[in-house]
Amino acid sequence: MKILIVSPSYLPEIGAAPSRITNMAEGLSALGVNVEVLTCLPNYPYGRIFEGYRGIFSKKEVVNGITVFRYWTYATVSKKPLIRLFGMCAFSFTLWRFAFKWKRIKSYDKIIIQTPPILSAASAMLLFRCCYRKKVLLNVSDLWPLSAVELGAVKEGSTYYRVMAGIERFLYRKATAYQGQSQEIVEHVRLYVPEKQSFLYRNLQPGVLTAVHPEPHRPPFKIVYAGLLGVAQNILELIQQINFKELGVELHLFGGGNQAQEIEKFLDGEDRGIFYHGTLPKAQMREELIRYDASIIPLTIPIKGAVPSKLFDLLPLGIPILFCGGGEGEYIVRQYQLGLVSAPRDYIQLSENIRAMSQLSDETYLQMRRNCLDASQGVFSFEKQLNAYKLFLDKV
């Protein structure tokens, strides 16, 4: 079986989106599937093309055994709507250069298209499904534009919303089958296309660190946040509201995004028990994470279908979770006793949870860590999911 994955994000970019697609591609390749990737020149999350890729329009390379085709995009982290829209449209146009590789396209058995970004997904759907009549699986990682409405970025009923909602339904109708990263996403898409096959493909992580041995925490209790520093997480507001030094704990931040500079400015010259370390490569980040006693996962509001990928990053490392959110993520943390939960932006309850976790007995804390490891090897095992997914692809 030969598959093409179309996604704007891929290695060496960092973050949930490139991690999910990279793991999928490399995992399928390890199972004997011939996988290729069509993506952008790497730029996420910095908003600029990476060194080694600048000044070119396209590049073909082999990354960890995967053939990758990269095309130019307009890289930006601007908050201005028109600039962001132009950035979303750029790859939608440049990916059509791939249309001239007709012999290669005909060789693919199936195409997997990532959405969002919804515009590049629609462009890829037109190319591969409507023009080349290939079997297409739609990989839905976010319910756009619904999530934009919930975040307050888009007004429901506006012209922009109606156009995007129309494109969303077009993608569902045209796809041969679909997969979602949460049960809520799968059920949402099923409302529009109940007749189509679906698969719950969570953003799980390969069990690469097999020698993790849970240990009791030692003072000071160290909490880590590693991920995007953006509006949906709003780490800036969190650190403005909670003085971690007064709680007797430390918070260590890793990542980039449009709040990074504001966070650095806020922390400059003031000791609040918070430390910002910038970004680290994925492999190095995993080694870094095991040094911490807990991790915080914040969402500013409950977003339908959103299960933070960081949750599944942490389970194989046995790191208990301070979850600030609702929906399916809250259910998972409570159901499998992976940590403590507070409502979005409830910083009083979050502070109480931080204090409570830092004061747990060794026995209770170690059990929480074992719960994370057990979940990663059982119901949230990357390897088990991937084997089931390959069987799904064979049948589609």
Protein backbone atom coordinates (compact mmCIF):
# COMPACT_ATOMS: atom_id res chain seq x y z
CA MET A 1 0.00 0.00 0.00
CA LYS A 2 1.28 3.46 -0.94
CA ILE A 3 -0.04 6.55 0.83
CA LEU A 4 0.45 10.31 0.51
CA ILE A 5 -0.13 12.47 3.58
CA VAL A 6 -0.96 16.13 2.90
CA SER A 7 -0.32 18.39 5.86
CA PRO A 8 1.12 21.92 6.23
CA SER A 9 3.02 20.75 9.35
CA TYR A 10 5.77 18.15 9.52
CA LEU A 11 9.19 17.42 11.03
CA PRO A 12 11.46 19.32 11.81
CA GLU A 13 8.68 21.59 13.06
CA ILE A 14 7.67 21.21 16.70
CA GLY A 15 4.25 21.17 18.31
CA ALA A 16 1.16 18.98 18.37
CA ALA A 17 0.30 19.21 14.66
CA PRO A 18 3.70 18.24 13.20
CA SER A 19 4.20 15.63 15.93
CA ARG A 20 0.88 13.94 15.10
CA ILE A 21 1.54 13.75 11.36
CA THR A 22 5.20 12.74 11.76
CA ASN A 23 4.31 9.91 14.15
CA MET A 24 1.59 8.72 11.78
CA ALA A 25 3.90 8.72 8.75
CA GLU A 26 6.84 7.06 10.48
CA GLY A 27 4.60 4.59 12.30
CA LEU A 28 2.91 3.43 9.11
CA SER A 29 6.26 3.23 7.37
CA ALA A 30 7.55 0.94 10.14
CA LEU A 31 4.58 -1.35 9.45
CA GLY A 32 5.60 -1.71 5.81
CA VAL A 33 3.41 1.00 4.25
CA ASN A 34 5.07 3.14 1.56
CA VAL A 35 4.45 6.66 2.89
CA GLU A 36 5.21 10.05 1.31
CA VAL A 37 4.39 13.51 2.62
CA LEU A 38 3.35 16.74 0.88
CA THR A 39 3.92 19.73 3.15
CA CYS A 40 5.22 23.31 3.51
CA LEU A 41 8.76 24.53 3.94
CA PRO A 42 9.14 24.27 7.73
CA ASN A 43 8.19 27.42 9.65
CA TYR A 44 6.03 26.47 12.66
CA PRO A 45 5.77 27.82 15.38
CA TYR A 46 8.20 30.71 14.74
CA GLY A 47 6.43 32.24 11.75
CA ARG A 48 9.55 32.21 9.55
CA ILE A 49 11.07 29.64 7.22
CA PHE A 50 13.75 27.53 8.92
CA GLU A 51 17.45 27.88 8.09
CA GLY A 52 18.40 25.64 5.20
CA TYR A 53 15.04 26.10 3.48
CA ARG A 54 15.04 29.85 2.81
CA GLY A 55 15.25 31.32 -0.67
CA ILE A 56 13.75 28.29 -2.42
CA PHE A 57 10.27 27.48 -3.72
CA SER A 58 10.29 23.73 -3.24
CA LYS A 59 12.44 20.91 -1.96
CA LYS A 60 12.34 17.12 -2.09
CA GLU A 61 14.15 15.29 0.70
CA VAL A 62 14.12 12.06 2.68
CA VAL A 63 13.46 12.44 6.41
CA ASN A 64 13.82 9.30 8.55
CA GLY A 65 13.06 7.15 5.53
CA ILE A 66 10.01 9.19 4.42
CA THR A 67 10.07 11.03 1.08
CA VAL A 68 8.93 14.58 1.76
CA PHE A 69 7.86 17.17 -0.83
CA ARG A 70 7.98 20.72 0.53
CA TYR A 71 6.52 23.86 -1.08
CA TRP A 72 6.74 27.52 -0.21
CA THR A 73 4.22 29.15 2.09
CA TYR A 74 3.86 32.62 3.58
CA ALA A 75 5.10 32.13 7.14
CA THR A 76 3.64 34.42 9.79
CA VAL A 77 2.49 34.58 13.41
CA SER A 78 0.76 37.92 12.88
CA LYS A 79 -2.52 38.54 14.70
CA LYS A 80 -3.85 40.65 11.81
CA PRO A 81 -6.74 38.79 10.10
CA LEU A 82 -5.78 39.59 6.50
CA ILE A 83 -2.15 38.59 6.98
CA ARG A 84 -3.19 35.35 8.70
CA LEU A 85 -5.66 34.65 5.88
CA PHE A 86 -2.94 35.16 3.28
CA GLY A 87 -0.71 32.79 5.21
CA MET A 88 -3.45 30.13 5.21
CA CYS A 89 -4.05 30.59 1.48
CA ALA A 90 -0.41 30.39 0.36
CA PHE A 91 0.07 26.62 0.67
CA SER A 92 -3.40 26.12 -0.81
CA PHE A 93 -2.03 27.49 -4.09
CA THR A 94 1.56 26.24 -4.05
CA LEU A 95 0.59 22.60 -3.43
CA TRP A 96 -0.91 22.57 -6.95
CA ARG A 97 2.65 22.42 -8.31
CA PHE A 98 2.47 18.81 -7.16
CA ALA A 99 -0.38 18.22 -9.65
CA PHE A 100 2.17 17.88 -12.46
CA LYS A 101 3.56 14.72 -10.85
CA TRP A 102 0.71 12.72 -12.39
CA LYS A 103 2.57 9.40 -12.56
CA ARG A 104 3.44 9.62 -8.88
CA ILE A 105 -0.10 10.64 -7.90
CA LYS A 106 -1.57 7.71 -9.82
CA SER A 107 0.69 5.37 -7.85
CA TYR A 108 -0.92 6.29 -4.51
CA ASP A 109 -3.58 3.94 -3.15
CA LYS A 110 -4.90 6.50 -0.69
CA ILE A 111 -4.43 10.16 0.26
CA ILE A 112 -4.68 11.39 3.87
CA ILE A 113 -5.52 15.10 4.09
CA GLN A 114 -5.08 17.08 7.30
CA THR A 115 -7.70 19.66 8.35
CA PRO A 116 -7.48 22.37 9.61
CA PRO A 117 -6.14 24.50 7.98
CA ILE A 118 -9.41 24.20 6.15
CA LEU A 119 -8.39 26.13 3.01
CA SER A 120 -5.35 23.98 2.22
CA ALA A 121 -7.44 20.88 2.98
CA ALA A 122 -10.11 22.02 0.51
CA SER A 123 -7.47 22.73 -2.13
CA ALA A 124 -5.95 19.27 -1.65
CA MET A 125 -9.41 17.70 -1.80
CA LEU A 126 -10.07 19.39 -5.15
CA LEU A 127 -6.76 18.17 -6.51
CA PHE A 128 -6.69 14.58 -5.31
CA ARG A 129 -10.38 13.66 -4.98
CA CYS A 130 -12.11 15.79 -7.60
CA CYS A 131 -9.37 15.87 -10.27
CA TYR A 132 -7.49 12.61 -9.75
CA ARG A 133 -10.39 10.59 -8.22
CA LYS A 134 -8.18 9.11 -5.50
CA LYS A 135 -9.50 7.63 -2.26
CA VAL A 136 -9.16 10.34 0.38
CA LEU A 137 -9.22 10.03 4.16
CA LEU A 138 -9.87 13.30 5.97
CA ASN A 139 -7.83 13.66 9.18
CA VAL A 140 -9.90 16.04 11.36
CA SER A 141 -7.91 17.36 14.30
CA ASP A 142 -10.10 20.37 15.08
CA LEU A 143 -13.72 21.36 14.37
CA TRP A 144 -13.05 24.50 12.38
CA PRO A 145 -14.78 27.01 12.26
CA LEU A 146 -16.72 25.96 15.39
CA SER A 147 -13.59 26.11 17.54
CA ALA A 148 -12.85 29.63 16.23
CA VAL A 149 -16.31 30.73 17.39
CA GLU A 150 -15.75 29.21 20.84
CA LEU A 151 -12.40 31.03 21.11
CA GLY A 152 -14.05 34.31 20.12
CA ALA A 153 -11.94 34.68 16.96
CA VAL A 154 -14.91 34.36 14.59
CA LYS A 155 -18.51 35.50 14.98
CA GLU A 156 -21.11 32.81 14.34
CA GLY A 157 -23.38 33.78 11.46
CA SER A 158 -20.82 36.10 9.89
CA THR A 159 -19.99 35.81 6.19
CA TYR A 160 -16.57 34.35 7.03
CA TYR A 161 -18.16 31.74 9.29
CA ARG A 162 -20.75 30.71 6.69
CA VAL A 163 -18.10 30.34 3.99
CA MET A 164 -15.82 28.28 6.23
CA ALA A 165 -18.71 26.11 7.45
CA GLY A 166 -19.64 25.46 3.83
CA ILE A 167 -16.07 24.38 3.05
CA GLU A 168 -16.09 22.15 6.12
CA ARG A 169 -19.22 20.33 4.91
CA PHE A 170 -17.69 20.06 1.41
CA LEU A 171 -14.70 18.24 2.90
CA TYR A 172 -16.93 15.82 4.81
CA ARG A 173 -19.02 15.04 1.73
CA LYS A 174 -16.09 14.49 -0.63
CA ALA A 175 -13.93 12.38 1.68
CA THR A 176 -14.00 8.62 1.16
CA ALA A 177 -13.71 8.15 4.93
CA TYR A 178 -12.58 10.24 7.89
CA GLN A 179 -10.71 10.06 11.17
CA GLY A 180 -10.86 12.34 14.21
CA GLN A 181 -8.50 12.89 17.11
CA SER A 182 -11.33 12.76 19.66
CA GLN A 183 -14.62 10.91 20.04
CA GLU A 184 -16.43 14.26 19.97
CA ILE A 185 -14.94 15.03 16.54
CA VAL A 186 -15.91 11.62 15.16
CA GLU A 187 -19.48 12.04 16.39
CA HIS A 188 -19.71 15.59 15.02
CA VAL A 189 -18.65 14.57 11.51
CA ARG A 190 -21.00 11.57 11.67
CA LEU A 191 -23.95 13.98 11.91
CA TYR A 192 -23.16 15.16 8.36
CA VAL A 193 -22.03 11.87 6.77
CA PRO A 194 -23.48 9.00 8.82
CA GLU A 195 -22.88 6.52 6.01
CA LYS A 196 -19.08 6.94 5.92
CA GLN A 197 -16.46 4.88 7.71
CA SER A 198 -14.63 6.54 10.58
CA PHE A 199 -11.67 5.94 12.87
CA LEU A 200 -10.75 7.46 16.23
CA TYR A 201 -7.08 8.37 15.73
CA ARG A 202 -5.78 10.06 18.87
CA ASN A 203 -2.51 11.96 18.97
CA LEU A 204 -0.71 9.25 20.92
CA GLN A 205 3.03 9.00 21.36
CA PRO A 206 5.29 6.02 20.63
CA GLY A 207 6.57 4.32 23.77
CA VAL A 208 10.21 5.22 23.17
CA LEU A 209 11.20 5.66 26.80
CA THR A 210 10.65 2.19 28.20
CA ALA A 211 12.86 2.58 31.26
CA VAL A 212 10.73 5.11 33.13
CA HIS A 213 10.63 4.21 36.85
CA PRO A 214 8.21 6.27 38.95
CA GLU A 215 9.90 8.04 41.83
CA PRO A 216 8.52 10.21 44.65
CA HIS A 217 8.83 13.94 44.16
CA ARG A 218 11.38 15.92 46.11
CA PRO A 219 11.14 19.61 47.01
CA PRO A 220 10.85 21.94 45.32
CA PHE A 221 7.86 20.48 43.45
CA LYS A 222 8.57 21.22 39.78
CA ILE A 223 5.75 21.74 37.26
CA VAL A 224 6.35 21.95 33.51
CA TYR A 225 4.42 23.35 30.56
CA ALA A 226 5.77 22.41 27.13
CA GLY A 227 3.81 23.51 24.11
CA LEU A 228 2.39 26.38 22.14
CA LEU A 229 2.28 29.74 23.89
CA GLY A 230 -0.88 31.01 22.23
CA VAL A 231 -4.38 32.33 22.84
CA ALA A 232 -6.05 28.94 23.36
CA GLN A 233 -3.65 28.10 26.22
CA ASN A 234 -3.19 31.66 27.53
CA ILE A 235 -0.17 30.87 29.67
CA LEU A 236 0.39 34.62 30.00
CA GLU A 237 -2.84 35.11 31.95
CA LEU A 238 -2.14 32.01 34.04
CA ILE A 239 1.24 33.25 35.24
CA GLN A 240 -0.20 36.70 35.87
CA GLN A 241 -2.85 35.18 38.15
CA ILE A 242 -0.78 32.61 40.07
CA ASN A 243 2.37 33.29 42.07
CA PHE A 244 4.07 29.89 42.02
CA LYS A 245 6.77 30.99 44.47
CA GLU A 246 4.12 31.69 47.11
CA LEU A 247 2.80 28.14 46.58
CA GLY A 248 6.29 26.78 47.21
CA VAL A 249 6.61 25.25 43.73
CA GLU A 250 8.32 26.03 40.42
CA LEU A 251 6.81 26.38 36.95
CA HIS A 252 9.09 25.77 33.95
CA LEU A 253 7.92 26.88 30.51
CA PHE A 254 9.06 25.55 27.12
CA GLY A 255 7.72 26.51 23.71
CA GLY A 256 7.06 29.33 21.28
CA GLY A 257 4.09 31.26 19.98
CA ASN A 258 2.52 34.70 19.84
CA GLN A 259 2.63 35.13 23.65
CA ALA A 260 6.30 34.22 24.05
CA GLN A 261 7.66 37.78 24.02
CA GLU A 262 4.95 39.03 26.40
CA ILE A 263 5.75 36.18 28.79
CA GLU A 264 9.46 37.02 28.73
CA LYS A 265 8.68 40.68 29.37
CA PHE A 266 6.35 39.84 32.28
CA LEU A 267 8.96 37.60 33.94
CA ASP A 268 11.85 40.03 33.47
CA GLY A 269 13.31 41.03 36.82
CA GLU A 270 10.57 39.46 38.97
CA ASP A 271 10.88 36.22 40.94
CA ARG A 272 7.54 34.40 40.84
CA GLY A 273 8.93 30.87 40.76
CA ILE A 274 8.51 30.80 36.96
CA PHE A 275 11.27 30.03 34.45
CA TYR A 276 11.03 30.33 30.64
CA HIS A 277 13.52 28.18 28.69
CA GLY A 278 12.51 28.78 25.06
CA THR A 279 12.14 25.79 22.74
CA LEU A 280 13.88 22.43 22.50
CA PRO A 281 13.91 19.74 19.77
CA LYS A 282 11.31 17.01 20.27
CA ALA A 283 13.75 14.25 21.23
CA GLN A 284 15.54 16.49 23.72
CA MET A 285 12.22 17.71 25.12
CA ARG A 286 11.20 14.20 26.08
CA GLU A 287 14.40 13.73 28.03
CA GLU A 288 13.81 17.09 29.70
CA LEU A 289 10.21 16.34 30.70
CA ILE A 290 11.08 13.38 32.92
CA ARG A 291 12.87 15.80 35.28
CA TYR A 292 9.54 17.28 36.40
CA ASP A 293 6.96 16.19 38.97
CA ALA A 294 3.81 17.29 37.13
CA SER A 295 2.65 19.11 34.03
CA ILE A 296 -0.01 21.73 33.57
CA ILE A 297 -2.41 21.54 30.61
CA PRO A 298 -4.54 24.70 30.29
CA LEU A 299 -7.41 25.61 27.98
CA THR A 300 -9.02 29.04 28.25
CA ILE A 301 -12.47 27.64 27.42
CA PRO A 302 -13.91 24.18 26.71
CA ILE A 303 -13.60 23.59 22.96
CA LYS A 304 -15.75 20.88 21.41
CA GLY A 305 -13.61 18.05 20.11
CA ALA A 306 -10.40 19.39 21.63
CA VAL A 307 -8.28 16.95 23.62
CA PRO A 308 -4.88 18.59 24.18
CA SER A 309 -2.14 16.53 22.57
CA LYS A 310 0.12 17.29 25.51
CA LEU A 311 -2.01 14.90 27.56
CA PHE A 312 -0.85 11.95 25.45
CA ASP A 313 2.74 13.26 25.32
CA LEU A 314 2.97 12.99 29.09
CA LEU A 315 1.41 9.57 29.72
CA PRO A 316 4.37 7.44 28.48
CA LEU A 317 6.62 9.50 30.76
CA GLY A 318 4.50 8.89 33.86
CA ILE A 319 3.97 12.59 34.57
CA PRO A 320 0.80 13.48 36.56
CA ILE A 321 -1.40 16.17 35.06
CA LEU A 322 -2.89 19.42 36.33
CA PHE A 323 -5.69 19.73 33.79
CA CYS A 324 -7.47 23.08 33.39
CA GLY A 325 -10.34 22.45 31.01
CA GLY A 326 -13.46 20.44 30.29
CA GLY A 327 -14.92 18.09 27.73
CA GLU A 328 -13.27 14.84 26.70
CA GLY A 329 -9.89 15.80 28.18
CA GLU A 330 -11.41 16.28 31.63
CA TYR A 331 -13.20 12.94 31.32
CA ILE A 332 -9.96 11.10 30.44
CA VAL A 333 -8.01 12.60 33.36
CA ARG A 334 -10.78 11.77 35.84
CA GLN A 335 -11.65 8.34 34.40
CA TYR A 336 -8.06 7.03 34.50
CA GLN A 337 -6.99 9.03 37.61
CA LEU A 338 -4.15 10.75 35.82
CA GLY A 339 -4.10 13.94 37.89
CA LEU A 340 -6.30 16.77 39.18
CA VAL A 341 -8.85 18.87 37.27
CA SER A 342 -10.02 22.47 37.44
CA ALA A 343 -12.36 24.45 35.21
CA PRO A 344 -10.92 26.71 32.49
CA ARG A 345 -9.49 29.93 33.95
CA ASP A 346 -10.45 28.91 37.51
CA TYR A 347 -7.12 29.97 38.94
CA ILE A 348 -8.27 29.63 42.56
CA GLN A 349 -9.07 25.93 42.08
CA LEU A 350 -5.92 25.45 40.02
CA SER A 351 -3.85 26.95 42.84
CA GLU A 352 -5.52 24.57 45.30
CA ASN A 353 -4.82 21.62 43.00
CA ILE A 354 -1.16 22.63 42.70
CA ARG A 355 -0.84 22.82 46.46
CA ALA A 356 -2.69 19.52 46.93
CA MET A 357 -0.57 17.61 44.40
CA SER A 358 2.68 18.98 45.80
CA GLN A 359 1.64 17.69 49.25
CA LEU A 360 0.49 14.20 48.23
CA SER A 361 1.94 11.27 50.14
CA ASP A 362 4.60 9.29 48.29
CA GLU A 363 2.22 6.34 47.96
CA THR A 364 -0.60 8.39 46.41
CA TYR A 365 1.72 10.33 44.14
CA LEU A 366 3.47 7.19 42.89
CA GLN A 367 0.11 5.55 42.15
CA MET A 368 -0.86 8.58 40.05
CA ARG A 369 2.37 8.20 38.08
CA ARG A 370 1.73 4.47 37.59
CA ASN A 371 -1.78 5.26 36.35
CA CYS A 372 -0.25 7.42 33.59
CA LEU A 373 2.17 4.70 32.53
CA ASP A 374 -0.54 2.00 32.59
CA ALA A 375 -2.84 4.13 30.43
CA SER A 376 -0.08 4.73 27.87
CA GLN A 377 0.55 0.99 27.56
CA GLY A 378 -3.12 0.03 27.49
CA VAL A 379 -6.06 2.05 26.22
CA PHE A 380 -3.79 4.85 24.91
CA SER A 381 -1.05 2.70 23.39
CA PHE A 382 0.34 4.21 20.18
CA GLU A 383 1.42 0.82 18.85
CA LYS A 384 -2.01 -0.78 19.41
CA GLN A 385 -3.77 2.17 17.79
CA LEU A 386 -1.44 2.11 14.79
CA ASN A 387 -2.01 -1.60 14.13
CA ALA A 388 -5.78 -1.04 14.24
CA TYR A 389 -5.41 1.99 11.97
CA LYS A 390 -3.49 0.03 9.35
CA LEU A 391 -6.32 -2.52 9.27
CA PHE A 392 -8.76 0.36 8.81
CA LEU A 393 -6.74 1.74 5.88
CA ASP A 394 -6.66 -1.70 4.27
CA LYS A 395 -10.48 -1.86 4.31
CA VAL A 396 -11.24 1.68 3.10
